[in-house]
C-alpha atoms as a PDB file:
ATOM      1  CA  MET A   1       7.069 -42.666 -10.282  1.00  0.00           C
ATOM      2  CA  ASN A   2       5.556 -44.860 -13.174  1.00  0.00           C
ATOM      3  CA  ILE A   3       7.904 -46.934 -15.038  1.00  0.00           C
ATOM      4  CA  VAL A   4       6.631 -45.285 -18.158  1.00  0.00           C
ATOM      5  CA  LYS A   5       6.710 -41.930 -17.037  1.00  0.00           C
ATOM      6  CA  LEU A   6      10.510 -42.225 -16.428  1.00  0.00           C
ATOM      7  CA  LEU A   7      11.750 -44.077 -19.315  1.00  0.00           C
ATOM      8  CA  TRP A   8      10.230 -40.971 -21.573  1.00  0.00           C
ATOM      9  CA  GLU A   9      11.774 -38.383 -19.243  1.00  0.00           C
ATOM     10  CA  ARG A  10      15.447 -40.715 -20.068  1.00  0.00           C
ATOM     11  CA  VAL A  11      14.825 -40.045 -23.903  1.00  0.00           C
ATOM     12  CA  ASP A  12      14.358 -36.583 -23.429  1.00  0.00           C
ATOM     13  CA  VAL A  13      16.978 -36.328 -22.093  1.00  0.00           C
ATOM     14  CA  LEU A  14      19.327 -37.851 -24.034  1.00  0.00           C
ATOM     15  CA  GLU A  15      17.621 -36.207 -26.827  1.00  0.00           C
ATOM     16  CA  GLN A  16      18.535 -33.344 -25.101  1.00  0.00           C
ATOM     17  CA  LEU A  17      22.154 -34.158 -24.917  1.00  0.00           C
ATOM     18  CA  LEU A  18      22.266 -35.629 -28.611  1.00  0.00           C
ATOM     19  CA  VAL A  19      20.960 -31.706 -29.549  1.00  0.00           C
ATOM     20  CA  CYS A  20      24.092 -30.599 -27.583  1.00  0.00           C
ATOM     21  CA  TYR A  21      26.893 -32.488 -29.303  1.00  0.00           C
ATOM     22  CA  ARG A  22      25.526 -31.726 -33.446  1.00  0.00           C
ATOM     23  CA  ILE A  23      24.810 -28.623 -32.763  1.00  0.00           C
ATOM     24  CA  THR A  24      28.975 -29.102 -30.040  1.00  0.00           C
ATOM     25  CA  LYS A  25      27.687 -26.901 -27.787  1.00  0.00           C
ATOM     26  CA  ARG A  26      29.295 -28.439 -23.791  1.00  0.00           C
ATOM     27  CA  PRO A  27      26.251 -29.967 -22.566  1.00  0.00           C
ATOM     28  CA  THR A  28      24.899 -27.703 -18.647  1.00  0.00           C
ATOM     29  CA  GLU A  29      25.849 -29.072 -15.511  1.00  0.00           C
ATOM     30  CA  LYS A  30      21.505 -28.935 -15.213  1.00  0.00           C
ATOM     31  CA  LEU A  31      21.384 -31.963 -18.146  1.00  0.00           C
ATOM     32  CA  CYS A  32      24.091 -33.628 -16.561  1.00  0.00           C
ATOM     33  CA  THR A  33      22.145 -33.836 -13.722  1.00  0.00           C
ATOM     34  CA  ARG A  34      18.689 -34.427 -14.598  1.00  0.00           C
ATOM     35  CA  LEU A  35      20.883 -37.608 -16.813  1.00  0.00           C
ATOM     36  CA  GLU A  36      22.550 -38.508 -13.832  1.00  0.00           C
ATOM     37  CA  LYS A  37      18.508 -38.467 -12.067  1.00  0.00           C
ATOM     38  CA  THR A  38      17.270 -40.601 -14.058  1.00  0.00           C
ATOM     39  CA  LYS A  39      20.009 -43.448 -14.638  1.00  0.00           C
ATOM     40  CA  LYS A  40      19.306 -43.586 -11.150  1.00  0.00           C
ATOM     41  CA  ASP A  41      15.290 -43.597 -10.934  1.00  0.00           C
ATOM     42  CA  ILE A  42      14.888 -46.295 -13.843  1.00  0.00           C
ATOM     43  CA  GLU A  43      18.335 -48.966 -11.899  1.00  0.00           C
ATOM     44  CA  ASN A  44      15.062 -48.171  -8.454  1.00  0.00           C
ATOM     45  CA  ASN A  45      12.229 -48.900 -10.272  1.00  0.00           C
ATOM     46  CA  THR A  46      14.106 -52.240 -12.291  1.00  0.00           C
ATOM     47  CA  LEU A  47      14.727 -53.143  -9.220  1.00  0.00           C
ATOM     48  CA  GLU A  48      11.608 -52.325  -7.044  1.00  0.00           C
ATOM     49  CA  ILE A  49       9.776 -53.956 -10.467  1.00  0.00           C
ATOM     50  CA  ASN A  50      11.649 -57.532 -10.102  1.00  0.00           C
ATOM     51  CA  ASN A  51      11.504 -57.361  -6.116  1.00  0.00           C
ATOM     52  CA  LEU A  52       8.426 -57.397  -6.540  1.00  0.00           C
ATOM     53  CA  MET A  53       7.444 -59.817  -9.370  1.00  0.00           C
ATOM     54  CA  LYS A  54       9.914 -62.383  -7.075  1.00  0.00           C
ATOM     55  CA  GLY A  55       6.809 -63.010  -5.250  1.00  0.00           C
END
């Protein structure tokens, strides 16, 4: 997946998490799962980009 799309997805998830805390609502399991998934996806994508740049 494109790194820009991954970053926008991560921003979306973080915004949803922020809303939960603002209204003192506990985040759903689905939101927590998306949070972890986007983090891992970005880390994996970043590693791939770094490996490609090294040659």
